[in-house]
Structures are given as C-alpha cells and as structure tokens.
C-alpha atoms as a PDB file:
ATOM      1  CA  UNK A   1     -48.829 269.123  92.789  1.00  0.00           C
ATOM      2  CA  UNK A   2     -45.253 269.814  93.750  1.00  0.00           C
ATOM      3  CA  UNK A   3     -43.275 272.826  92.642  1.00  0.00           C
ATOM      4  CA  UNK A   4     -41.396 270.883  89.949  1.00  0.00           C
ATOM      5  CA  UNK A   5     -44.592 269.417  88.507  1.00  0.00           C
ATOM      6  CA  UNK A   6     -46.127 272.892  88.516  1.00  0.00           C
ATOM      7  CA  UNK A   7     -43.056 274.172  86.697  1.00  0.00           C
ATOM      8  CA  UNK A   8     -43.276 271.423  84.092  1.00  0.00           C
ATOM      9  CA  UNK A   9     -46.943 272.175  83.476  1.00  0.00           C
ATOM     10  CA  UNK A  10     -46.089 275.850  83.098  1.00  0.00           C
ATOM     11  CA  UNK A  11     -43.315 274.948  80.656  1.00  0.00           C
ATOM     12  CA  UNK A  12     -45.802 272.987  78.559  1.00  0.00           C
ATOM     13  CA  UNK A  13     -47.640 276.274  78.081  1.00  0.00           C
ATOM     14  CA  UNK A  14     -44.423 278.097  77.195  1.00  0.00           C
ATOM     15  CA  UNK A  15     -43.567 275.483  74.574  1.00  0.00           C
ATOM     16  CA  UNK A  16     -47.043 275.611  73.028  1.00  0.00           C
ATOM     17  CA  UNK A  17     -46.883 279.429  73.014  1.00  0.00           C
ATOM     18  CA  UNK A  18     -43.503 279.291  71.273  1.00  0.00           C
ATOM     19  CA  UNK A  19     -44.947 276.891  68.713  1.00  0.00           C
ATOM     20  CA  UNK A  20     -47.855 279.226  68.011  1.00  0.00           C
ATOM     21  CA  UNK A  21     -45.506 282.186  67.647  1.00  0.00           C
ATOM     22  CA  UNK A  22     -43.405 280.269  65.147  1.00  0.00           C
ATOM     23  CA  UNK A  23     -46.517 279.408  63.138  1.00  0.00           C
ATOM     24  CA  UNK A  24     -47.442 283.100  63.081  1.00  0.00           C
ATOM     25  CA  UNK A  25     -43.943 284.006  61.894  1.00  0.00           C
ATOM     26  CA  UNK A  26     -44.020 281.278  59.236  1.00  0.00           C
ATOM     27  CA  UNK A  27     -47.382 282.499  57.959  1.00  0.00           C
ATOM     28  CA  UNK A  28     -46.016 286.038  57.814  1.00  0.00           C
ATOM     29  CA  UNK A  29     -43.070 284.904  55.696  1.00  0.00           C
ATOM     30  CA  UNK A  30     -45.336 282.758  53.514  1.00  0.00           C
ATOM     31  CA  UNK A  31     -47.466 285.829  52.828  1.00  0.00           C
ATOM     32  CA  UNK A  32     -44.298 287.770  51.954  1.00  0.00           C
ATOM     33  CA  UNK A  33     -43.336 285.037  49.454  1.00  0.00           C
ATOM     34  CA  UNK A  34     -40.266 284.048  51.439  1.00  0.00           C
ATOM     35  CA  UNK A  35     -40.646 280.258  51.343  1.00  0.00           C
ATOM     36  CA  UNK A  36     -37.320 279.307  52.928  1.00  0.00           C
ATOM     37  CA  UNK A  37     -37.900 281.487  55.962  1.00  0.00           C
ATOM     38  CA  UNK A  38     -41.473 280.205  56.164  1.00  0.00           C
ATOM     39  CA  UNK A  39     -40.309 276.579  56.004  1.00  0.00           C
ATOM     40  CA  UNK A  40     -37.716 277.189  58.714  1.00  0.00           C
ATOM     41  CA  UNK A  41     -40.290 278.611  61.104  1.00  0.00           C
ATOM     42  CA  UNK A  42     -42.858 275.908  60.327  1.00  0.00           C
ATOM     43  CA  UNK A  43     -40.177 273.366  61.329  1.00  0.00           C
ATOM     44  CA  UNK A  44     -39.434 275.348  64.485  1.00  0.00           C
ATOM     45  CA  UNK A  45     -43.143 275.330  65.343  1.00  0.00           C
ATOM     46  CA  UNK A  46     -43.249 271.540  65.109  1.00  0.00           C
ATOM     47  CA  UNK A  47     -40.110 271.267  67.242  1.00  0.00           C
ATOM     48  CA  UNK A  48     -41.595 273.420  70.018  1.00  0.00           C
ATOM     49  CA  UNK A  49     -44.873 271.489  69.877  1.00  0.00           C
ATOM     50  CA  UNK A  50     -42.910 268.258  70.213  1.00  0.00           C
ATOM     51  CA  UNK A  51     -41.089 269.672  73.243  1.00  0.00           C
ATOM     52  CA  UNK A  52     -44.463 270.352  74.869  1.00  0.00           C
ATOM     53  CA  UNK A  53     -45.676 266.853  74.084  1.00  0.00           C
ATOM     54  CA  UNK A  54     -42.493 265.291  75.491  1.00  0.00           C
ATOM     55  CA  UNK A  55     -43.095 267.150  78.748  1.00  0.00           C
ATOM     56  CA  UNK A  56     -46.698 265.936  78.763  1.00  0.00           C
ATOM     57  CA  UNK A  57     -45.522 262.358  78.193  1.00  0.00           C
ATOM     58  CA  UNK A  58     -43.019 262.686  81.036  1.00  0.00           C
ATOM     59  CA  UNK A  59     -45.762 263.893  83.376  1.00  0.00           C
ATOM     60  CA  UNK A  60     -48.005 261.004  82.285  1.00  0.00           C
ATOM     61  CA  UNK A  61     -45.213 258.471  82.789  1.00  0.00           C
ATOM     62  CA  UNK A  62     -44.464 259.927  86.234  1.00  0.00           C
ATOM     63  CA  UNK A  63     -48.132 259.689  87.213  1.00  0.00           C
ATOM     64  CA  UNK A  64     -48.339 263.430  87.783  1.00  0.00           C
ATOM     65  CA  UNK A  65     -51.318 265.643  87.098  1.00  0.00           C
ATOM     66  CA  UNK A  66     -51.287 267.497  83.806  1.00  0.00           C
ATOM     67  CA  UNK A  67     -52.815 270.952  83.487  1.00  0.00           C
ATOM     68  CA  UNK A  68     -52.392 272.254  79.941  1.00  0.00           C
ATOM     69  CA  UNK A  69     -52.342 276.044  80.293  1.00  0.00           C
ATOM     70  CA  UNK A  70     -53.781 278.448  77.776  1.00  0.00           C
ATOM     71  CA  UNK A  71     -51.457 280.543  75.674  1.00  0.00           C
ATOM     72  CA  UNK A  72     -51.424 284.220  74.812  1.00  0.00           C
ATOM     73  CA  UNK A  73     -52.177 285.006  71.172  1.00  0.00           C
ATOM     74  CA  UNK A  74     -48.983 285.278  69.140  1.00  0.00           C
ATOM     75  CA  UNK A  75     -47.766 288.482  67.551  1.00  0.00           C
ATOM     76  CA  UNK A  76     -48.907 288.502  63.923  1.00  0.00           C
ATOM     77  CA  UNK A  77     -48.021 291.999  62.720  1.00  0.00           C
ATOM     78  CA  UNK A  78     -44.419 292.891  62.007  1.00  0.00           C
ATOM     79  CA  UNK A  79     -42.841 296.186  60.976  1.00  0.00           C
ATOM     80  CA  UNK A  80     -40.311 294.694  58.577  1.00  0.00           C
ATOM     81  CA  UNK A  81     -38.749 291.450  57.394  1.00  0.00           C
ATOM     82  CA  UNK A  82     -36.214 291.371  60.262  1.00  0.00           C
ATOM     83  CA  UNK A  83     -38.574 291.851  63.210  1.00  0.00           C
ATOM     84  CA  UNK A  84     -39.872 288.246  63.232  1.00  0.00           C
ATOM     85  CA  UNK A  85     -36.316 286.897  63.376  1.00  0.00           C
ATOM     86  CA  UNK A  86     -35.528 289.263  66.242  1.00  0.00           C
ATOM     87  CA  UNK A  87     -38.664 288.102  68.044  1.00  0.00           C
ATOM     88  CA  UNK A  88     -37.717 284.457  67.482  1.00  0.00           C
ATOM     89  CA  UNK A  89     -34.258 285.040  68.961  1.00  0.00           C
ATOM     90  CA  UNK A  90     -35.770 286.744  72.020  1.00  0.00           C
ATOM     91  CA  UNK A  91     -38.199 283.859  72.382  1.00  0.00           C
ATOM     92  CA  UNK A  92     -35.411 281.261  72.195  1.00  0.00           C
ATOM     93  CA  UNK A  93     -33.486 283.100  74.885  1.00  0.00           C
ATOM     94  CA  UNK A  94     -36.583 283.323  77.073  1.00  0.00           C
ATOM     95  CA  UNK A  95     -37.355 279.606  76.698  1.00  0.00           C
ATOM     96  CA  UNK A  96     -33.720 278.754  77.477  1.00  0.00           C
ATOM     97  CA  UNK A  97     -33.978 280.820  80.663  1.00  0.00           C
ATOM     98  CA  UNK A  98     -37.220 279.021  81.553  1.00  0.00           C
ATOM     99  CA  UNK A  99     -35.591 275.612  81.080  1.00  0.00           C
ATOM    100  CA  UNK A 100     -32.607 276.738  83.163  1.00  0.00           C
ATOM    101  CA  UNK A 101     -34.993 277.756  85.942  1.00  0.00           C
ATOM    102  CA  UNK A 102     -36.633 274.319  85.775  1.00  0.00           C
ATOM    103  CA  UNK A 103     -33.213 272.704  86.054  1.00  0.00           C
ATOM    104  CA  UNK A 104     -32.465 274.741  89.167  1.00  0.00           C
ATOM    105  CA  UNK A 105     -35.865 273.823  90.608  1.00  0.00           C
ATOM    106  CA  UNK A 106     -35.241 270.127  89.964  1.00  0.00           C
ATOM    107  CA  UNK A 107     -31.990 270.330  91.907  1.00  0.00           C
ATOM    108  CA  UNK A 108     -33.613 271.794  95.032  1.00  0.00           C
END
C-alpha cells in the first residue's frame, strides 16, 4: 500500500472512533435527560460513520486494499454537563487536522 492509501485507512479508524465517541456522548446526555443534546450527538455519530464509509467506498472504487483499524474505547464518564461538548470540540479539531494532513499527503 502507498502512503496515501495507508493514510486513508488510518482515517477510516479515526472516523469510526469519532462516531463511537459521539455515541458515548449522546448516551451520556440521554441518561441526563437532555434529549436535544443527545439527538445532536446521535446525528453527529451517524455523520462520522458515514465519513468512514465514504472513505471505504473510495478505497474500494480505487481498487486499493482496505484495512479497517480497531478503535480505542470512547470516554464514557464526564465530570459535568459541559465536558462532553468540550471533548467533541477537541475531537472535531483533531479530525480536521488529520484531514488536512491527508490533503498535504495527497499533494506530495
């Protein structure tokens, strides 16, 4: 596999990990009886999962090898009602940086 294909496979794992983290956040808010926050994060989880599947489809269409990586267990305990939102923002920034790195790799 080339470096870009490796990077795409790695990004599939990042997207699935983000999806799992959003599910964990949504469940946390559901348990706190905060249905609007829960619904928002359930939608975000689906969006991240779809990103992963779009990358998989791209790799399939390109005839590249797909290696779905495992993901680290998401954080499920939070100190207060704000911490999950803070974590989500950090995660979005991290994923944006990862996509930017892939863009740079594609241009080399």
